[in-house]
Amino acid sequence: GVGPKVAIAILSELSPERIALAVAGGDFKTLTRASGVGPK
């Protein structure tokens, strides 16, 4: 469900470090800040 465009959108909104911290902490809501990324 994550294609290149979605991945680019996530990395445009969040740094790799912030993404890693969100995943490590189970903070999925932070990822929804990126365009095209819903809660699921």
All heavy atoms as atom14 arrays in JSON, in Angstrom:
{
  "sequence": "GVGPKVAIAILSELSPERIALAVAGGDFKTLTRASGVGPK",
  "atom14_mask": [
    [1, 1, 1, 1, 0, 0, 0, 0, 0, 0, 0, 0, 0, 0],
    [1, 1, 1, 1, 1, 1, 1, 0, 0, 0, 0, 0, 0, 0],
    [1, 1, 1, 1, 0, 0, 0, 0, 0, 0, 0, 0, 0, 0],
    [1, 1, 1, 1, 1, 1, 1, 0, 0, 0, 0, 0, 0, 0],
    [1, 1, 1, 1, 1, 1, 1, 1, 1, 0, 0, 0, 0, 0],
    [1, 1, 1, 1, 1, 1, 1, 0, 0, 0, 0, 0, 0, 0],
    [1, 1, 1, 1, 1, 0, 0, 0, 0, 0, 0, 0, 0, 0],
    [1, 1, 1, 1, 1, 1, 1, 1, 0, 0, 0, 0, 0, 0],
    [1, 1, 1, 1, 1, 0, 0, 0, 0, 0, 0, 0, 0, 0],
    [1, 1, 1, 1, 1, 1, 1, 1, 0, 0, 0, 0, 0, 0],
    [1, 1, 1, 1, 1, 1, 1, 1, 0, 0, 0, 0, 0, 0],
    [1, 1, 1, 1, 1, 1, 0, 0, 0, 0, 0, 0, 0, 0],
    [1, 1, 1, 1, 1, 1, 1, 1, 1, 0, 0, 0, 0, 0],
    [1, 1, 1, 1, 1, 1, 1, 1, 0, 0, 0, 0, 0, 0],
    [1, 1, 1, 1, 1, 1, 0, 0, 0, 0, 0, 0, 0, 0],
    [1, 1, 1, 1, 1, 1, 1, 0, 0, 0, 0, 0, 0, 0],
    [1, 1, 1, 1, 1, 1, 1, 1, 1, 0, 0, 0, 0, 0],
    [1, 1, 1, 1, 1, 1, 1, 1, 1, 1, 1, 0, 0, 0],
    [1, 1, 1, 1, 1, 1, 1, 1, 0, 0, 0, 0, 0, 0],
    [1, 1, 1, 1, 1, 0, 0, 0, 0, 0, 0, 0, 0, 0],
    [1, 1, 1, 1, 1, 1, 1, 1, 0, 0, 0, 0, 0, 0],
    [1, 1, 1, 1, 1, 0, 0, 0, 0, 0, 0, 0, 0, 0],
    [1, 1, 1, 1, 1, 1, 1, 0, 0, 0, 0, 0, 0, 0],
    [1, 1, 1, 1, 1, 0, 0, 0, 0, 0, 0, 0, 0, 0],
    [1, 1, 1, 1, 0, 0, 0, 0, 0, 0, 0, 0, 0, 0],
    [1, 1, 1, 1, 0, 0, 0, 0, 0, 0, 0, 0, 0, 0],
    [1, 1, 1, 1, 1, 1, 1, 1, 0, 0, 0, 0, 0, 0],
    [1, 1, 1, 1, 1, 1, 1, 1, 1, 1, 1, 0, 0, 0],
    [1, 1, 1, 1, 1, 1, 1, 1, 1, 0, 0, 0, 0, 0],
    [1, 1, 1, 1, 1, 1, 1, 0, 0, 0, 0, 0, 0, 0],
    [1, 1, 1, 1, 1, 1, 1, 1, 0, 0, 0, 0, 0, 0],
    [1, 1, 1, 1, 1, 1, 1, 0, 0, 0, 0, 0, 0, 0],
    [1, 1, 1, 1, 1, 1, 1, 1, 1, 1, 1, 0, 0, 0],
    [1, 1, 1, 1, 1, 0, 0, 0, 0, 0, 0, 0, 0, 0],
    [1, 1, 1, 1, 1, 1, 0, 0, 0, 0, 0, 0, 0, 0],
    [1, 1, 1, 1, 0, 0, 0, 0, 0, 0, 0, 0, 0, 0],
    [1, 1, 1, 1, 1, 1, 1, 0, 0, 0, 0, 0, 0, 0],
    [1, 1, 1, 1, 0, 0, 0, 0, 0, 0, 0, 0, 0, 0],
    [1, 1, 1, 1, 1, 1, 1, 0, 0, 0, 0, 0, 0, 0],
    [1, 1, 1, 1, 1, 1, 1, 1, 1, 0, 0, 0, 0, 0]
  ],
  "atom14_positions": [
    [[0.79, -1.23, 0.0], [0.0, 0.0, 0.0], [0.82, 1.27, 0.0], [0.27, 2.36, -0.11], [0.0, 0.0, 0.0], [0.0, 0.0, 0.0], [0.0, 0.0, 0.0], [0.0, 0.0, 0.0], [0.0, 0.0, 0.0], [0.0, 0.0, 0.0], [0.0, 0.0, 0.0], [0.0, 0.0, 0.0], [0.0, 0.0, 0.0], [0.0, 0.0, 0.0]],
    [[2.14, 1.12, 0.13], [3.01, 2.3, 0.13], [3.85, 2.29, -1.15], [4.84, 1.57, -1.25], [3.95, 2.33, 1.36], [4.82, 3.59, 1.32], [3.14, 2.29, 2.64], [0.0, 0.0, 0.0], [0.0, 0.0, 0.0], [0.0, 0.0, 0.0], [0.0, 0.0, 0.0], [0.0, 0.0, 0.0], [0.0, 0.0, 0.0], [0.0, 0.0, 0.0]],
    [[3.45, 3.08, -2.12], [4.22, 3.21, -3.36], [5.23, 4.33, -3.23], [5.29, 5.03, -2.2], [0.0, 0.0, 0.0], [0.0, 0.0, 0.0], [0.0, 0.0, 0.0], [0.0, 0.0, 0.0], [0.0, 0.0, 0.0], [0.0, 0.0, 0.0], [0.0, 0.0, 0.0], [0.0, 0.0, 0.0], [0.0, 0.0, 0.0], [0.0, 0.0, 0.0]],
    [[6.04, 4.54, -4.27], [7.04, 5.6, -4.23], [6.48, 6.99, -3.94], [7.08, 7.76, -3.19], [7.65, 5.55, -5.64], [7.47, 4.13, -6.07], [6.15, 3.73, -5.5], [0.0, 0.0, 0.0], [0.0, 0.0, 0.0], [0.0, 0.0, 0.0], [0.0, 0.0, 0.0], [0.0, 0.0, 0.0], [0.0, 0.0, 0.0], [0.0, 0.0, 0.0]],
    [[5.31, 7.31, -4.5], [4.74, 8.63, -4.29], [4.35, 8.85, -2.83], [4.56, 9.93, -2.27], [3.52, 8.85, -5.2], [3.88, 9.01, -6.67], [2.66, 9.3, -7.51], [3.02, 9.5, -8.97], [1.83, 9.78, -9.82], [0.0, 0.0, 0.0], [0.0, 0.0, 0.0], [0.0, 0.0, 0.0], [0.0, 0.0, 0.0], [0.0, 0.0, 0.0]],
    [[3.79, 7.83, -2.22], [3.4, 7.94, -0.81], [4.64, 8.03, 0.07], [4.69, 8.81, 1.02], [2.52, 6.74, -0.38], [2.28, 6.76, 1.12], [1.19, 6.78, -1.12], [0.0, 0.0, 0.0], [0.0, 0.0, 0.0], [0.0, 0.0, 0.0], [0.0, 0.0, 0.0], [0.0, 0.0, 0.0], [0.0, 0.0, 0.0], [0.0, 0.0, 0.0]],
    [[5.65, 7.23, -0.27], [6.9, 7.26, 0.5], [7.55, 8.64, 0.43], [8.05, 9.16, 1.43], [7.86, 6.19, 0.0], [0.0, 0.0, 0.0], [0.0, 0.0, 0.0], [0.0, 0.0, 0.0], [0.0, 0.0, 0.0], [0.0, 0.0, 0.0], [0.0, 0.0, 0.0], [0.0, 0.0, 0.0], [0.0, 0.0, 0.0], [0.0, 0.0, 0.0]],
    [[7.54, 9.23, -0.77], [8.1, 10.57, -0.94], [7.29, 11.59, -0.13], [7.85, 12.5, 0.5], [8.11, 10.97, -2.43], [9.19, 10.19, -3.19], [8.33, 12.47, -2.6], [10.61, 10.56, -2.82], [0.0, 0.0, 0.0], [0.0, 0.0, 0.0], [0.0, 0.0, 0.0], [0.0, 0.0, 0.0], [0.0, 0.0, 0.0], [0.0, 0.0, 0.0]],
    [[5.97, 11.43, -0.11], [5.11, 12.34, 0.66], [5.42, 12.24, 2.15], [5.48, 13.26, 2.85], [3.64, 12.01, 0.41], [0.0, 0.0, 0.0], [0.0, 0.0, 0.0], [0.0, 0.0, 0.0], [0.0, 0.0, 0.0], [0.0, 0.0, 0.0], [0.0, 0.0, 0.0], [0.0, 0.0, 0.0], [0.0, 0.0, 0.0], [0.0, 0.0, 0.0]],
    [[5.64, 11.03, 2.63], [5.96, 10.83, 4.06], [7.3, 11.47, 4.38], [7.46, 12.19, 5.38], [5.98, 9.33, 4.41], [4.58, 8.73, 4.27], [6.49, 9.12, 5.84], [4.53, 7.22, 4.41], [0.0, 0.0, 0.0], [0.0, 0.0, 0.0], [0.0, 0.0, 0.0], [0.0, 0.0, 0.0], [0.0, 0.0, 0.0], [0.0, 0.0, 0.0]],
    [[8.29, 11.22, 3.53], [9.63, 11.76, 3.78], [9.71, 13.26, 3.52], [10.67, 13.91, 3.95], [10.65, 11.01, 2.91], [11.01, 9.6, 3.41], [11.69, 8.8, 2.33], [11.89, 9.7, 4.65], [0.0, 0.0, 0.0], [0.0, 0.0, 0.0], [0.0, 0.0, 0.0], [0.0, 0.0, 0.0], [0.0, 0.0, 0.0], [0.0, 0.0, 0.0]],
    [[8.75, 13.81, 2.84], [8.7, 15.26, 2.66], [8.14, 15.93, 3.91], [8.48, 17.07, 4.21], [7.83, 15.62, 1.45], [8.48, 15.27, 0.24], [0.0, 0.0, 0.0], [0.0, 0.0, 0.0], [0.0, 0.0, 0.0], [0.0, 0.0, 0.0], [0.0, 0.0, 0.0], [0.0, 0.0, 0.0], [0.0, 0.0, 0.0], [0.0, 0.0, 0.0]],
    [[7.29, 15.21, 4.61], [6.67, 15.74, 5.83], [7.51, 15.47, 7.07], [7.58, 16.29, 7.99], [5.27, 15.11, 6.01], [4.49, 15.64, 7.19], [4.1, 17.1, 7.01], [3.82, 17.51, 5.86], [4.06, 17.83, 8.02], [0.0, 0.0, 0.0], [0.0, 0.0, 0.0], [0.0, 0.0, 0.0], [0.0, 0.0, 0.0], [0.0, 0.0, 0.0]],
    [[8.18, 14.29, 7.09], [8.93, 13.86, 8.28], [10.33, 13.42, 7.9], [10.53, 12.8, 6.86], [8.21, 12.68, 8.96], [6.76, 12.91, 9.39], [6.1, 11.57, 9.71], [6.7, 13.83, 10.59], [0.0, 0.0, 0.0], [0.0, 0.0, 0.0], [0.0, 0.0, 0.0], [0.0, 0.0, 0.0], [0.0, 0.0, 0.0], [0.0, 0.0, 0.0]],
    [[11.28, 13.71, 8.74], [12.66, 13.25, 8.51], [12.73, 11.74, 8.79], [11.88, 11.2, 9.52], [13.63, 13.98, 9.43], [13.4, 13.61, 10.78], [0.0, 0.0, 0.0], [0.0, 0.0, 0.0], [0.0, 0.0, 0.0], [0.0, 0.0, 0.0], [0.0, 0.0, 0.0], [0.0, 0.0, 0.0], [0.0, 0.0, 0.0], [0.0, 0.0, 0.0]],
    [[13.73, 11.04, 8.24], [13.89, 9.61, 8.54], [13.98, 9.36, 10.04], [13.42, 8.38, 10.55], [15.19, 9.25, 7.84], [15.28, 10.22, 6.71], [14.71, 11.5, 7.25], [0.0, 0.0, 0.0], [0.0, 0.0, 0.0], [0.0, 0.0, 0.0], [0.0, 0.0, 0.0], [0.0, 0.0, 0.0], [0.0, 0.0, 0.0], [0.0, 0.0, 0.0]],
    [[14.67, 10.24, 10.74], [14.8, 10.11, 12.19], [13.44, 10.18, 12.88], [13.13, 9.38, 13.76], [15.7, 11.21, 12.73], [15.87, 11.19, 14.25], [16.66, 12.4, 14.75], [17.14, 13.19, 13.92], [16.78, 12.54, 15.97], [0.0, 0.0, 0.0], [0.0, 0.0, 0.0], [0.0, 0.0, 0.0], [0.0, 0.0, 0.0], [0.0, 0.0, 0.0]],
    [[12.61, 11.13, 12.45], [11.28, 11.29, 13.07], [10.38, 10.11, 12.75], [9.59, 9.66, 13.59], [10.64, 12.59, 12.57], [9.37, 12.94, 13.33], [9.68, 13.3, 14.77], [8.49, 13.37, 15.61], [7.92, 12.34, 16.22], [8.43, 11.13, 16.1], [6.85, 12.5, 16.97], [0.0, 0.0, 0.0], [0.0, 0.0, 0.0], [0.0, 0.0, 0.0]],
    [[10.48, 9.57, 11.53], [9.7, 8.38, 11.16], [10.12, 7.2, 12.03], [9.28, 6.46, 12.56], [9.91, 8.04, 9.67], [9.29, 9.14, 8.79], [9.28, 6.68, 9.33], [9.67, 9.03, 7.33], [0.0, 0.0, 0.0], [0.0, 0.0, 0.0], [0.0, 0.0, 0.0], [0.0, 0.0, 0.0], [0.0, 0.0, 0.0], [0.0, 0.0, 0.0]],
    [[11.42, 7.01, 12.19], [11.93, 5.9, 12.99], [11.46, 6.02, 14.44], [11.08, 5.02, 15.06], [13.45, 5.86, 12.92], [0.0, 0.0, 0.0], [0.0, 0.0, 0.0], [0.0, 0.0, 0.0], [0.0, 0.0, 0.0], [0.0, 0.0, 0.0], [0.0, 0.0, 0.0], [0.0, 0.0, 0.0], [0.0, 0.0, 0.0], [0.0, 0.0, 0.0]],
    [[11.48, 7.23, 14.97], [11.03, 7.45, 16.34], [9.53, 7.17, 16.48], [9.09, 6.6, 17.47], [11.34, 8.88, 16.78], [12.81, 9.21, 17.02], [12.99, 10.71, 17.22], [13.35, 8.45, 18.21], [0.0, 0.0, 0.0], [0.0, 0.0, 0.0], [0.0, 0.0, 0.0], [0.0, 0.0, 0.0], [0.0, 0.0, 0.0], [0.0, 0.0, 0.0]],
    [[8.76, 7.57, 15.47], [7.32, 7.33, 15.5], [7.03, 5.83, 15.48], [6.17, 5.33, 16.23], [6.65, 8.01, 14.3], [0.0, 0.0, 0.0], [0.0, 0.0, 0.0], [0.0, 0.0, 0.0], [0.0, 0.0, 0.0], [0.0, 0.0, 0.0], [0.0, 0.0, 0.0], [0.0, 0.0, 0.0], [0.0, 0.0, 0.0], [0.0, 0.0, 0.0]],
    [[7.74, 5.1, 14.64], [7.55, 3.65, 14.56], [7.98, 2.98, 15.84], [7.29, 2.12, 16.39], [8.33, 3.07, 13.35], [8.28, 1.55, 13.38], [7.74, 3.58, 12.05], [0.0, 0.0, 0.0], [0.0, 0.0, 0.0], [0.0, 0.0, 0.0], [0.0, 0.0, 0.0], [0.0, 0.0, 0.0], [0.0, 0.0, 0.0], [0.0, 0.0, 0.0]],
    [[9.15, 3.37, 16.35], [9.66, 2.76, 17.58], [8.71, 3.0, 18.75], [8.56, 2.13, 19.62], [11.04, 3.33, 17.91], [0.0, 0.0, 0.0], [0.0, 0.0, 0.0], [0.0, 0.0, 0.0], [0.0, 0.0, 0.0], [0.0, 0.0, 0.0], [0.0, 0.0, 0.0], [0.0, 0.0, 0.0], [0.0, 0.0, 0.0], [0.0, 0.0, 0.0]],
    [[8.05, 4.17, 18.76], [7.13, 4.49, 19.84], [5.68, 4.12, 19.57], [4.81, 4.39, 20.39], [0.0, 0.0, 0.0], [0.0, 0.0, 0.0], [0.0, 0.0, 0.0], [0.0, 0.0, 0.0], [0.0, 0.0, 0.0], [0.0, 0.0, 0.0], [0.0, 0.0, 0.0], [0.0, 0.0, 0.0], [0.0, 0.0, 0.0], [0.0, 0.0, 0.0]],
    [[5.41, 3.51, 18.41], [4.05, 3.13, 18.06], [3.14, 4.31, 17.78], [1.91, 4.22, 17.87], [0.0, 0.0, 0.0], [0.0, 0.0, 0.0], [0.0, 0.0, 0.0], [0.0, 0.0, 0.0], [0.0, 0.0, 0.0], [0.0, 0.0, 0.0], [0.0, 0.0, 0.0], [0.0, 0.0, 0.0], [0.0, 0.0, 0.0], [0.0, 0.0, 0.0]],
    [[3.73, 5.44, 17.4], [2.98, 6.68, 17.17], [2.55, 6.77, 15.71], [3.16, 7.49, 14.91], [3.86, 7.87, 17.57], [3.18, 9.21, 17.33], [1.94, 9.24, 17.17], [3.9, 10.23, 17.28], [0.0, 0.0, 0.0], [0.0, 0.0, 0.0], [0.0, 0.0, 0.0], [0.0, 0.0, 0.0], [0.0, 0.0, 0.0], [0.0, 0.0, 0.0]],
    [[1.48, 6.08, 15.35], [1.03, 6.07, 13.96], [0.4, 7.4, 13.55], [0.38, 7.76, 12.38], [0.05, 4.91, 13.71], [-1.32, 5.1, 14.28], [-2.32, 5.72, 13.55], [-1.61, 4.67, 15.57], [-3.59, 5.9, 14.07], [-2.88, 4.84, 16.1], [-3.87, 5.46, 15.35], [0.0, 0.0, 0.0], [0.0, 0.0, 0.0], [0.0, 0.0, 0.0]],
    [[-0.12, 8.16, 14.53], [-0.8, 9.42, 14.2], [0.16, 10.42, 13.56], [-0.25, 11.22, 12.72], [-1.41, 10.01, 15.47], [-2.62, 9.23, 15.98], [-3.26, 9.91, 17.17], [-4.47, 9.13, 17.65], [-5.11, 9.78, 18.85], [0.0, 0.0, 0.0], [0.0, 0.0, 0.0], [0.0, 0.0, 0.0], [0.0, 0.0, 0.0], [0.0, 0.0, 0.0]],
    [[1.42, 10.38, 13.95], [2.4, 11.3, 13.35], [2.51, 11.07, 11.85], [2.67, 12.01, 11.07], [3.78, 11.1, 14.01], [3.7, 11.55, 15.36], [4.86, 11.91, 13.3], [0.0, 0.0, 0.0], [0.0, 0.0, 0.0], [0.0, 0.0, 0.0], [0.0, 0.0, 0.0], [0.0, 0.0, 0.0], [0.0, 0.0, 0.0], [0.0, 0.0, 0.0]],
    [[2.42, 9.82, 11.42], [2.55, 9.49, 9.99], [1.37, 9.99, 9.18], [1.51, 10.22, 7.97], [2.69, 7.97, 9.81], [3.9, 7.31, 10.48], [3.89, 5.81, 10.26], [5.21, 7.9, 9.95], [0.0, 0.0, 0.0], [0.0, 0.0, 0.0], [0.0, 0.0, 0.0], [0.0, 0.0, 0.0], [0.0, 0.0, 0.0], [0.0, 0.0, 0.0]],
    [[0.23, 10.18, 9.81], [-0.95, 10.66, 9.07], [-0.83, 12.12, 8.66], [-1.67, 12.63, 7.92], [-2.24, 10.48, 9.9], [-2.16, 11.26, 11.11], [-2.46, 9.02, 10.27], [0.0, 0.0, 0.0], [0.0, 0.0, 0.0], [0.0, 0.0, 0.0], [0.0, 0.0, 0.0], [0.0, 0.0, 0.0], [0.0, 0.0, 0.0], [0.0, 0.0, 0.0]],
    [[0.23, 12.8, 9.12], [0.46, 14.18, 8.68], [0.83, 14.23, 7.2], [0.69, 15.27, 6.55], [1.58, 14.8, 9.51], [1.16, 15.13, 10.94], [2.33, 15.33, 11.87], [3.36, 16.21, 11.34], [4.52, 16.45, 11.96], [4.78, 15.86, 13.11], [5.4, 17.26, 11.43], [0.0, 0.0, 0.0], [0.0, 0.0, 0.0], [0.0, 0.0, 0.0]],
    [[1.32, 13.12, 6.67], [1.73, 13.08, 5.25], [0.52, 12.9, 4.35], [-0.43, 12.18, 4.67], [2.7, 11.93, 5.03], [0.0, 0.0, 0.0], [0.0, 0.0, 0.0], [0.0, 0.0, 0.0], [0.0, 0.0, 0.0], [0.0, 0.0, 0.0], [0.0, 0.0, 0.0], [0.0, 0.0, 0.0], [0.0, 0.0, 0.0], [0.0, 0.0, 0.0]],
    [[0.55, 13.57, 3.21], [-0.54, 13.48, 2.24], [-0.7, 12.05, 1.74], [0.26, 11.39, 1.38], [-0.25, 14.41, 1.05], [-1.22, 14.27, 0.05], [0.0, 0.0, 0.0], [0.0, 0.0, 0.0], [0.0, 0.0, 0.0], [0.0, 0.0, 0.0], [0.0, 0.0, 0.0], [0.0, 0.0, 0.0], [0.0, 0.0, 0.0], [0.0, 0.0, 0.0]],
    [[-1.94, 11.56, 1.75], [-2.22, 10.21, 1.25], [-2.07, 9.11, 2.27], [-2.23, 7.93, 1.94], [0.0, 0.0, 0.0], [0.0, 0.0, 0.0], [0.0, 0.0, 0.0], [0.0, 0.0, 0.0], [0.0, 0.0, 0.0], [0.0, 0.0, 0.0], [0.0, 0.0, 0.0], [0.0, 0.0, 0.0], [0.0, 0.0, 0.0], [0.0, 0.0, 0.0]],
    [[-1.77, 9.46, 3.52], [-1.59, 8.45, 4.56], [-2.72, 8.57, 5.59], [-2.76, 9.52, 6.38], [-0.23, 8.59, 5.28], [-0.08, 7.52, 6.35], [0.9, 8.49, 4.27], [0.0, 0.0, 0.0], [0.0, 0.0, 0.0], [0.0, 0.0, 0.0], [0.0, 0.0, 0.0], [0.0, 0.0, 0.0], [0.0, 0.0, 0.0], [0.0, 0.0, 0.0]],
    [[-3.64, 7.61, 5.55], [-4.73, 7.58, 6.51], [-4.35, 6.75, 7.73], [-3.28, 6.13, 7.77], [0.0, 0.0, 0.0], [0.0, 0.0, 0.0], [0.0, 0.0, 0.0], [0.0, 0.0, 0.0], [0.0, 0.0, 0.0], [0.0, 0.0, 0.0], [0.0, 0.0, 0.0], [0.0, 0.0, 0.0], [0.0, 0.0, 0.0], [0.0, 0.0, 0.0]],
    [[-5.22, 6.7, 8.74], [-4.92, 5.95, 9.97], [-4.6, 4.47, 9.74], [-3.68, 3.93, 10.35], [-6.2, 6.13, 10.8], [-6.8, 7.41, 10.31], [-6.49, 7.44, 8.84], [0.0, 0.0, 0.0], [0.0, 0.0, 0.0], [0.0, 0.0, 0.0], [0.0, 0.0, 0.0], [0.0, 0.0, 0.0], [0.0, 0.0, 0.0], [0.0, 0.0, 0.0]],
    [[-5.35, 3.82, 8.86], [-5.13, 2.39, 8.63], [-3.76, 2.12, 8.01], [-3.05, 1.21, 8.42], [-6.24, 1.82, 7.73], [-7.59, 1.69, 8.41], [-8.6, 1.01, 7.52], [-9.94, 0.85, 8.23], [-10.96, 0.18, 7.35], [0.0, 0.0, 0.0], [0.0, 0.0, 0.0], [0.0, 0.0, 0.0], [0.0, 0.0, 0.0], [0.0, 0.0, 0.0]]
  ]
}
